[in-house]
Protein backbone atom coordinates (compact mmCIF):
# COMPACT_ATOMS: atom_id res chain seq x y z
CA MET A 1 -38.52 58.79 -82.44
CA LYS A 2 -42.17 59.66 -83.20
CA HIS A 3 -41.14 61.21 -86.54
CA ASN A 4 -39.33 58.07 -87.70
CA PRO A 5 -41.31 56.66 -90.71
CA ARG A 6 -40.72 53.05 -89.57
CA TYR A 7 -42.25 53.80 -86.14
CA ALA A 8 -45.15 55.58 -87.87
CA PHE A 9 -45.73 52.49 -89.97
CA ILE A 10 -45.83 50.30 -86.84
CA ARG A 11 -48.36 52.61 -85.18
CA GLN A 12 -50.52 52.55 -88.30
CA PHE A 13 -50.21 48.76 -88.49
CA VAL A 14 -51.28 48.25 -84.89
CA SER A 15 -53.95 50.93 -84.30
CA GLY A 16 -54.72 52.59 -87.63
CA HIS A 17 -57.26 51.80 -90.36
CA GLY A 18 -57.58 48.05 -90.64
CA ALA A 19 -55.91 47.61 -87.23
CA LEU A 20 -55.03 44.24 -85.79
CA THR A 21 -57.74 42.17 -84.24
CA ARG A 22 -57.63 41.05 -80.62
CA GLU A 23 -56.53 37.59 -81.67
CA GLU A 24 -53.74 39.03 -83.80
CA ILE A 25 -52.57 41.29 -80.96
CA ARG A 26 -52.61 38.31 -78.58
CA TYR A 27 -50.49 36.36 -81.07
CA LEU A 28 -48.10 39.30 -81.44
CA ARG A 29 -47.64 39.38 -77.65
CA LEU A 30 -46.68 35.72 -77.77
CA LEU A 31 -44.06 36.41 -80.46
CA LEU A 32 -42.35 39.45 -78.92
CA PRO A 33 -40.95 37.73 -75.77
CA SER A 34 -39.19 35.16 -77.95
CA TYR A 35 -37.29 37.90 -79.78
CA HIS A 36 -33.92 38.57 -78.07
CA PRO A 37 -31.95 41.34 -79.77
CA ASP A 38 -28.13 40.91 -79.60
CA PHE A 39 -27.28 43.99 -77.55
CA VAL A 40 -23.51 43.27 -77.52
CA VAL A 41 -23.38 43.39 -81.31
CA GLU A 42 -25.40 46.59 -81.41
CA LEU A 43 -23.44 48.38 -78.67
CA PRO A 44 -20.71 50.87 -79.59
CA LEU A 45 -17.24 49.38 -79.49
CA GLU A 46 -16.25 51.65 -76.60
CA ILE A 47 -18.98 50.11 -74.44
CA VAL A 48 -17.91 46.58 -75.43
CA ILE A 49 -14.37 47.40 -74.28
CA LEU A 50 -15.67 48.58 -70.88
CA ILE A 51 -17.64 45.34 -70.52
CA ALA A 52 -14.65 43.20 -71.51
CA LEU A 53 -12.40 44.86 -68.93
CA GLN A 54 -14.75 43.69 -66.16
CA LEU A 55 -14.55 40.03 -67.24
CA THR A 56 -12.28 37.38 -65.76
CA ARG A 57 -10.28 35.14 -68.09
CA ARG A 58 -12.88 32.39 -67.93
CA ASP A 59 -15.83 34.74 -68.45
CA PHE A 60 -14.06 36.28 -71.44
CA ALA A 61 -13.53 32.79 -72.90
CA ARG A 62 -17.21 31.97 -72.37
CA CYS A 63 -18.23 35.09 -74.28
CA LEU A 64 -16.27 33.85 -77.29
CA SER A 65 -18.49 30.75 -77.39
CA VAL A 66 -21.86 32.56 -77.36
CA SER A 67 -22.04 33.23 -81.09
CA LYS A 68 -19.93 34.06 -84.09
CA ALA A 69 -20.95 37.72 -83.80
CA TRP A 70 -19.85 37.87 -80.15
CA ARG A 71 -16.55 36.19 -81.00
CA GLU A 72 -15.81 38.71 -83.73
CA ARG A 73 -16.77 41.56 -81.41
CA PHE A 74 -14.63 40.47 -78.45
CA LEU A 75 -11.68 39.52 -80.66
CA SER A 76 -11.57 42.84 -82.45
CA ASP A 77 -8.18 44.57 -82.24
CA PRO A 78 -9.29 47.41 -79.90
CA VAL A 79 -10.89 44.99 -77.41
CA MET A 80 -7.88 42.63 -77.40
CA ALA A 81 -5.45 45.53 -76.97
CA ALA A 82 -7.40 47.06 -74.06
CA TYR A 83 -7.87 43.70 -72.31
CA THR A 84 -4.19 42.81 -72.66
CA ILE A 85 -3.02 46.15 -71.27
CA ARG A 86 -5.35 45.82 -68.28
CA ARG A 87 -5.04 42.09 -67.51
CA TRP A 88 -1.73 40.88 -68.97
CA PRO A 89 0.59 43.88 -69.35
CA ALA A 90 3.64 41.66 -68.84
CA PHE A 91 2.80 39.72 -72.00
CA ILE A 92 2.82 42.74 -74.30
CA ASP A 93 5.64 42.38 -76.80
CA GLY A 94 4.70 44.24 -79.95
CA ALA A 95 1.22 44.08 -81.48
CA MET A 96 -1.25 41.59 -80.02
CA ASN A 97 -2.73 39.43 -82.76
CA GLN A 98 -5.67 37.05 -82.44
CA THR A 99 -3.55 33.88 -82.44
CA ARG A 100 -1.32 35.15 -79.63
CA PHE A 101 -4.30 36.40 -77.64
CA LEU A 102 -6.15 33.07 -77.79
CA GLN A 103 -2.96 31.19 -76.88
CA ILE A 104 -2.53 33.27 -73.74
CA LEU A 105 -6.21 32.97 -72.85
CA SER A 106 -6.16 29.18 -73.07
CA ARG A 107 -2.82 28.57 -71.38
CA LEU A 108 -3.58 30.80 -68.41
CA ASP A 109 -6.44 28.48 -67.52
CA HIS A 110 -4.47 25.33 -68.25
CA LYS A 111 -5.25 22.62 -65.71
CA LEU A 112 -1.57 21.71 -65.44
CA ILE A 113 -0.74 25.15 -64.05
CA TRP A 114 -2.85 24.51 -60.98
CA ALA A 115 -1.68 20.90 -60.72
CA SER A 116 1.91 22.14 -60.56
CA ILE A 117 1.24 24.93 -58.06
CA MET A 118 -0.80 22.77 -55.70
CA GLY A 119 1.74 19.95 -55.81
CA ASN A 120 -0.48 17.41 -57.56
CA ILE A 121 1.20 15.13 -60.08
CA ALA A 122 -0.85 15.01 -63.27
CA PRO A 123 -0.54 12.13 -65.76
CA GLU A 124 1.40 14.42 -68.11
CA THR A 125 3.98 15.27 -65.44
CA GLU A 126 7.62 14.47 -66.15
CA LEU A 127 9.86 13.84 -63.14
CA VAL A 128 13.50 14.78 -63.75
CA THR A 129 16.27 13.82 -61.31
CA TRP A 130 19.44 15.81 -60.78
CA ASP A 131 21.92 12.92 -60.80
CA VAL A 132 23.38 11.00 -63.74
CA THR A 133 20.32 8.73 -63.89
CA ALA A 134 18.26 11.52 -65.47
CA GLY A 135 17.08 10.93 -69.02
CA TYR A 136 18.54 14.24 -70.19
CA GLN A 137 21.60 13.95 -72.45
CA LEU A 138 24.63 16.19 -72.00
CA ASP A 139 24.51 19.11 -74.42
CA SER A 140 26.92 18.24 -77.25
CA ARG A 141 27.48 21.93 -78.02
CA PHE A 142 28.94 22.39 -74.55
CA HIS A 143 30.35 18.98 -73.65
CA HIS A 144 32.77 17.35 -76.09
CA PRO A 145 31.90 13.66 -76.61
CA LEU A 146 35.42 12.63 -75.55
CA ASP A 147 35.41 14.75 -72.37
CA ASN A 148 34.03 13.47 -69.11
CA PRO A 149 31.79 15.71 -66.97
CA PRO A 150 33.23 16.85 -63.62
CA THR A 151 33.84 14.02 -61.17
CA PRO A 152 31.62 15.44 -58.38
CA TYR A 153 28.67 15.22 -60.78
CA THR A 154 29.35 11.64 -61.92
CA GLN A 155 29.80 10.52 -58.31
CA PHE A 156 26.72 12.29 -57.01
CA ARG A 157 23.90 9.92 -56.05
CA MET A 158 20.48 10.40 -54.60
CA GLY A 159 20.38 9.65 -50.90
CA GLU A 160 19.25 10.85 -47.53
CA ASP A 161 22.58 12.43 -46.60
CA HIS A 162 22.37 15.30 -49.06
CA GLN A 163 21.50 18.85 -48.07
CA ALA A 164 18.55 20.76 -49.47
CA LEU A 165 19.36 22.00 -52.97
CA THR A 166 18.89 25.46 -54.47
CA ALA A 167 16.97 25.37 -57.76
CA LEU A 168 15.76 28.18 -60.03
CA TYR A 169 13.66 28.40 -63.21
CA CYS A 170 13.61 30.92 -66.07
CA SER A 171 12.57 30.80 -69.73
CA GLY A 172 12.49 27.03 -70.16
CA LYS A 173 15.68 26.45 -68.14
CA VAL A 174 16.09 24.91 -64.68
CA ALA A 175 19.35 25.43 -62.78
CA CYS A 176 20.44 23.68 -59.60
CA HIS A 177 23.45 23.93 -57.31
CA LEU A 178 24.07 20.22 -57.02
CA CYS A 179 27.15 19.73 -54.87
CA GLY A 180 30.45 21.46 -54.13
CA CYS A 181 31.12 23.89 -56.99
CA ILE A 182 28.89 22.14 -59.52
CA VAL A 183 25.86 23.78 -61.12
CA VAL A 184 23.57 21.84 -63.46
CA ILE A 185 21.29 23.57 -65.96
CA ASP A 186 18.60 21.72 -67.92
CA ASP A 187 16.99 22.90 -71.15
CA LEU A 188 13.36 21.70 -70.97
CA LYS A 189 12.69 22.17 -74.68
CA SER A 190 15.67 20.24 -76.04
CA LYS A 191 15.93 17.97 -72.95
CA THR A 192 19.66 18.49 -72.71
CA ARG A 193 21.86 19.18 -69.69
CA LYS A 194 24.96 21.25 -69.02
CA VAL A 195 27.22 20.56 -66.05
CA LEU A 196 29.03 23.75 -65.05
CA ALA A 197 32.13 24.29 -62.94
CA PRO A 198 34.00 27.53 -62.11
CA PRO A 199 36.27 28.64 -64.99
CA SER A 200 39.24 28.68 -62.62
CA GLY A 201 38.56 25.09 -61.64
CA ILE A 202 36.92 23.32 -58.72
CA ILE A 203 38.07 24.81 -55.41
CA HIS A 204 37.68 22.68 -52.32
CA GLY A 205 36.87 24.23 -48.97
CA LEU A 206 34.75 27.11 -50.30
CA SER A 207 30.98 26.91 -50.45
CA MET A 208 29.12 28.07 -53.52
CA LYS A 209 25.70 29.72 -53.57
CA LEU A 210 23.45 29.74 -56.64
CA GLN A 211 22.17 33.32 -56.85
CA ALA A 212 20.23 33.96 -60.06
CA LEU A 213 19.10 32.51 -63.39
CA GLY A 214 18.13 34.50 -66.45
CA SER A 215 17.49 33.95 -70.13
CA LYS A 216 21.24 34.23 -70.81
CA LEU A 217 23.23 33.93 -67.57
CA VAL A 218 23.30 31.72 -64.49
CA VAL A 219 25.03 33.42 -61.56
CA ALA A 220 26.65 31.99 -58.44
CA SER A 221 28.86 33.39 -55.71
CA MET A 222 31.78 31.88 -53.83
CA ASP A 223 33.27 33.93 -51.02
CA ARG A 224 34.18 37.30 -52.66
CA THR A 225 34.02 35.94 -56.20
CA ILE A 226 31.02 36.20 -58.51
CA ILE A 227 30.71 33.59 -61.29
CA ALA A 228 28.54 33.94 -64.40
CA TRP A 229 27.98 31.21 -66.96
CA ASP A 230 26.57 32.24 -70.33
CA HIS A 231 24.39 29.22 -71.08
CA VAL A 232 23.53 30.55 -74.54
CA GLU A 233 27.03 31.17 -75.92
CA ASN A 234 28.69 28.61 -73.59
CA LYS A 235 31.14 30.99 -71.90
CA ALA A 236 32.17 31.43 -68.27
CA TYR A 237 33.34 34.50 -66.34
CA GLU A 238 34.64 35.30 -62.87
CA LYS A 239 34.96 38.62 -61.07
CA SER A 240 36.42 39.55 -57.69
CA LEU A 241 34.22 41.74 -55.49
CA PRO A 242 35.18 44.17 -52.68
CA CYS A 243 33.23 41.97 -50.25
CA GLN A 244 30.82 39.07 -50.27
CA SER A 245 27.58 39.35 -52.21
CA LEU A 246 24.25 39.32 -50.44
CA LYS A 247 21.79 39.02 -53.34
CA CYS A 248 21.96 38.99 -57.14
CA ALA A 249 19.65 39.38 -60.12
CA THR A 250 20.31 38.97 -63.83
CA CYS A 251 18.62 40.04 -67.05
CA ASP A 252 20.08 39.42 -70.48
CA ASP A 253 23.87 39.96 -70.06
CA ARG A 254 23.69 42.15 -66.93
CA VAL A 255 24.13 41.19 -63.29
CA ALA A 256 23.05 43.37 -60.35
CA ILE A 257 24.68 42.58 -57.00
CA ILE A 258 23.87 43.77 -53.47
CA LEU A 259 27.03 43.63 -51.38
CA TYR A 260 27.28 43.24 -47.63
CA GLY A 261 27.11 46.76 -46.28
CA GLY A 262 24.38 47.87 -48.69
CA ASN A 263 26.38 48.91 -51.76
CA VAL A 264 24.95 47.87 -55.14
CA VAL A 265 27.02 47.19 -58.25
CA LEU A 266 26.28 46.36 -61.89
CA TRP A 267 28.42 43.94 -63.83
CA THR A 268 28.38 42.95 -67.47
CA PRO A 269 30.64 39.87 -67.84
CA GLY A 270 33.82 40.85 -69.63
CA HIS A 271 33.57 44.45 -68.43
CA ALA A 272 34.35 46.45 -65.30
CA ILE A 273 32.01 46.70 -62.33
CA VAL A 274 29.94 49.89 -62.01
CA GLN A 275 28.72 51.04 -58.60
CA LEU A 276 25.23 52.50 -58.28
CA ASP A 277 24.66 55.74 -56.40
CA VAL A 278 22.08 54.95 -53.74
CA SER A 279 22.59 58.21 -51.84
CA PRO A 280 19.46 59.98 -53.24
CA VAL A 281 17.24 57.75 -51.13
CA ILE A 282 15.78 59.46 -48.07
CA HIS A 283 13.65 57.49 -45.60
CA GLU A 284 10.91 59.56 -44.03
CA PRO A 285 8.80 57.25 -41.86
CA SER A 286 6.39 58.81 -39.41
CA ILE A 287 8.56 57.40 -36.59
CA PRO A 288 11.77 59.50 -36.61
CA LEU A 289 14.87 57.47 -37.42
CA SER A 290 16.82 59.47 -34.87
CA LYS A 291 14.70 57.98 -32.11
CA VAL A 292 13.93 54.47 -33.34
CA LYS A 293 16.27 52.17 -35.20
CA PRO A 294 14.83 49.64 -37.65
CA ARG A 295 14.11 46.31 -36.01
CA GLU A 296 14.40 44.42 -39.27
CA THR A 297 15.58 45.44 -42.75
CA LEU A 298 15.48 43.50 -46.01
CA GLN A 299 16.81 44.40 -49.46
CA GLY A 300 16.25 42.96 -52.90
CA VAL A 301 17.27 43.82 -56.45
CA PHE A 302 15.08 43.26 -59.52
CA PHE A 303 15.25 44.00 -63.24
CA ASN A 304 12.41 45.20 -65.43
CA VAL A 305 12.36 42.48 -68.09
CA HIS A 306 10.37 44.78 -70.40
CA ASP A 307 12.99 47.53 -70.21
CA LYS A 308 16.35 45.87 -69.69
CA ARG A 309 18.09 49.14 -68.80
CA THR A 310 15.80 49.57 -65.78
CA LEU A 311 16.74 48.20 -62.36
CA TYR A 312 14.82 48.34 -59.08
CA LEU A 313 16.38 48.28 -55.63
CA ALA A 314 13.70 47.41 -53.05
CA SER A 315 13.97 47.65 -49.29
CA ALA A 316 11.62 46.99 -46.39
CA SER A 317 12.25 48.16 -42.82
CA VAL A 318 10.25 47.59 -39.66
CA PHE A 319 10.23 50.45 -37.13
CA GLY A 320 8.71 50.70 -33.70
CA ASP A 321 7.92 48.25 -30.95
CA GLU A 322 5.33 45.50 -30.48
CA LEU A 323 2.53 48.02 -29.91
CA ASN A 324 3.47 50.53 -32.59
CA ALA A 325 5.11 48.72 -35.47
CA ARG A 326 5.28 50.23 -38.95
CA LEU A 327 6.56 48.79 -42.19
CA HIS A 328 8.34 51.27 -44.45
CA VAL A 329 8.92 50.07 -48.02
CA THR A 330 10.99 51.83 -50.68
CA VAL A 331 11.75 51.13 -54.33
CA GLN A 332 14.56 52.97 -56.10
CA GLU A 333 14.57 53.02 -59.88
CA PHE A 334 17.78 53.13 -61.90
CA SER A 335 18.31 53.47 -65.62
CA SER A 336 21.65 51.82 -66.32
CA ALA A 337 23.60 53.14 -63.31
CA SER A 338 21.75 56.45 -62.91
CA HIS A 339 19.14 56.97 -60.20
CA ILE A 340 15.91 58.32 -61.75
CA GLY A 341 13.22 57.91 -59.11
CA THR A 342 12.22 56.79 -55.62
CA TYR A 343 8.86 55.37 -54.56
CA SER A 344 7.93 54.73 -50.93
CA SER A 345 4.99 53.67 -48.83
CA GLU A 346 4.31 53.05 -45.17
CA LEU A 347 1.99 50.50 -43.58
CA ALA A 348 0.79 51.35 -40.09
CA ASP A 349 -0.97 48.00 -39.56
CA TYR A 350 2.18 45.90 -39.64
CA GLU A 351 1.75 42.97 -37.28
CA GLY A 352 3.95 43.27 -34.23
CA PRO A 353 5.98 40.29 -33.11
CA GLY A 354 4.51 37.89 -30.65
CA ALA A 355 6.89 35.17 -29.49
CA TRP A 356 6.56 32.35 -32.02
CA ASN A 357 4.11 34.31 -34.19
CA GLN A 358 6.63 36.95 -35.36
CA PRO A 359 6.31 37.62 -39.11
CA THR A 360 9.40 37.26 -41.26
CA LEU A 361 9.77 39.74 -44.13
CA GLU A 362 10.08 38.40 -47.68
CA LEU A 363 10.84 40.17 -50.95
CA LEU A 364 9.67 38.25 -53.99
CA GLU A 365 9.11 38.79 -57.69
CA TYR A 366 5.95 38.00 -59.66
CA GLU A 367 6.75 37.92 -63.37
CA PHE A 368 3.97 36.29 -65.35
CA ASP A 369 0.79 37.93 -66.65
CA LEU A 370 1.57 40.89 -64.38
CA SER A 371 4.90 42.27 -63.14
CA PHE A 372 5.21 42.91 -59.40
CA ILE A 373 7.70 43.20 -56.56
CA ILE A 374 5.96 41.55 -53.62
CA PHE A 375 6.55 42.83 -50.10
CA GLY A 376 5.33 39.88 -48.11
CA GLY A 377 5.79 37.96 -44.94
CA ARG A 378 5.51 34.55 -43.41
CA CYS A 379 4.63 33.38 -39.91
CA MET A 380 3.72 30.17 -38.14
CA THR A 381 -0.02 30.79 -37.99
CA ARG A 382 -0.70 32.47 -41.37
CA GLY A 383 1.85 31.04 -43.73
CA PRO A 384 2.79 33.38 -46.62
CA PHE A 385 0.89 36.63 -47.02
CA VAL A 386 1.24 39.97 -48.84
CA TYR A 387 1.67 43.42 -47.31
CA THR A 388 1.84 45.44 -50.51
CA LEU A 389 2.88 45.18 -54.17
CA PHE A 390 4.96 47.41 -56.40
CA ASP A 391 3.78 47.39 -60.01
CA LYS A 392 6.96 47.54 -62.13
CA ILE A 393 5.02 48.53 -65.26
CA GLU A 394 2.86 51.27 -63.71
CA ARG A 395 5.65 52.22 -61.25
CA LYS A 396 3.40 52.50 -58.22
CA PHE A 397 2.44 50.64 -55.06
CA THR A 398 -0.84 48.77 -55.15
CA THR A 399 -2.88 46.49 -52.93
CA PHE A 400 -3.06 42.73 -53.22
CA ASP A 401 -6.04 41.72 -55.39
CA PRO A 402 -6.70 37.95 -55.41
CA ASN A 403 -8.63 38.36 -58.68
CA ASN A 404 -5.54 39.64 -60.52
CA ILE A 405 -2.81 37.40 -59.16
CA TRP A 406 -2.59 33.63 -58.80
CA THR A 407 -3.69 32.54 -55.35
CA PHE A 408 -4.57 29.53 -53.30
CA ASP A 409 -8.18 29.11 -52.17
CA ASP A 410 -7.54 31.03 -48.95
CA ASN A 411 -6.06 34.01 -50.87
CA ARG A 412 -2.47 33.22 -50.01
CA PRO A 413 -0.16 33.99 -52.93
CA ALA A 414 0.58 30.87 -54.96
CA LEU A 415 3.83 32.53 -56.06
CA PRO A 416 4.33 31.33 -59.62
CA LEU A 417 7.52 33.35 -59.66
CA ARG A 418 10.66 33.23 -61.78
CA LYS A 419 12.72 33.11 -58.61
CA SER A 420 10.44 31.08 -56.37
CA LYS A 421 11.97 28.04 -54.71
CA LYS A 422 8.69 26.14 -55.04
CA ALA A 423 6.91 26.80 -58.31
CA ALA A 424 7.59 28.66 -61.53
CA ILE A 425 5.33 29.20 -64.52
CA ASP A 426 5.41 30.77 -67.94
CA LEU A 427 3.36 30.15 -71.09
CA ASP A 428 5.45 27.10 -72.03
CA PHE A 429 6.05 25.19 -68.80
CA ALA A 430 4.71 24.76 -65.28
CA VAL A 431 7.56 23.61 -63.04
CA ARG A 432 7.49 22.56 -59.42
CA LEU A 433 10.89 22.41 -57.76
CA ASP A 434 11.30 19.80 -55.03
CA THR A 435 14.75 20.49 -53.63
CA LYS A 436 14.41 17.91 -50.85
CA SER A 437 13.71 14.90 -53.06
CA LEU A 438 16.33 15.62 -55.74
CA PHE A 439 13.87 15.92 -58.60
CA TYR A 440 11.59 18.49 -60.18
CA GLN A 441 8.23 18.20 -61.92
CA VAL A 442 7.69 19.53 -65.44
CA ASN A 443 4.42 20.04 -67.27
CA ALA A 444 4.63 21.26 -70.86
CA LEU A 445 1.69 23.57 -71.62
CA LYS A 446 0.19 23.01 -75.04
């Protein structure tokens, strides 16, 4: 530094021949504090990336408003790529450009997202009913103008004698099991409705259960029959199963089904059923299985929407007694029908049951800015809470971080999930499903 000619010039200017007077030095001291060098602009890009990764969404947005130089620095391709991989890995679909990045940044902080989650009705909220009084028109590509929709739908009316409905959201579509064997699916973008019935006709005396909704298929079960409606190509399929289905998931044109008894099968409508080999899974909890049987076991099946060949079979089992309860969680990974990996974890601090305060296990899916399988619970005193998370992108268990997942003020998960029965969110819509009042709330995010 002392050999730099510019520094030598400064030393000569201040203390050399013809040096500054006391008044000039005093004036220079007044000027220097007002000079604020822009350290962010001068820092190496690698350091800027490290700083950006520590910022929340709102802090990152504030940095873009500091100056034009800061905006250019934080919106450079390396910074955007690193921030997206760390904060929003589920949104990565090809290269991240500036327009896409700013759209995600603004919509994640959209006020209507929180209004929908918390149950508040904003002025922009649209209330859509499930009966024929809804303002949605029947989809002309599916319903011929001269054909009447199924009679159970036209006769269905809102009232106090109906049972709670099952409603699901995915990719701008809302599906609801309305009554009998009737499923209604609404397209929120075109504001059209399809009224679906089993391809073999309406069967009285059998109850139907709406199981899953995806970007292409809506899936329901009825006794030992699985039904899939292709709401994109307007086709319907049925398949007989060896036994009743317990849970289903769908992604693109594939359906994964957990059968009673624990077997898991894959079905592509129009093709044969393929059974998955779940035998490679070995449970090794610290409490030997030979001595203690699981008190409670829960299974769930989930697709990886970023790799449609990948399927996860999740299970949670509680072992032990009230004083020594342990939660053992396992995730099996399949590629197509082949088992390729098993991940497991054990929680020794699982809350033991206590009369009315006994936790109930829940398996949920978080598919928004991040991609998680949530191993959670619910009890009378705490409401919903999280035991652990499985990151489907990183393929590892992780702890619940309220800074990285949408939460209520008391750190309970807000659950903006594709398969939540309460709220569902993506970058286009925030939807709150009210299955008791026969309507749902829609907020279009712009």
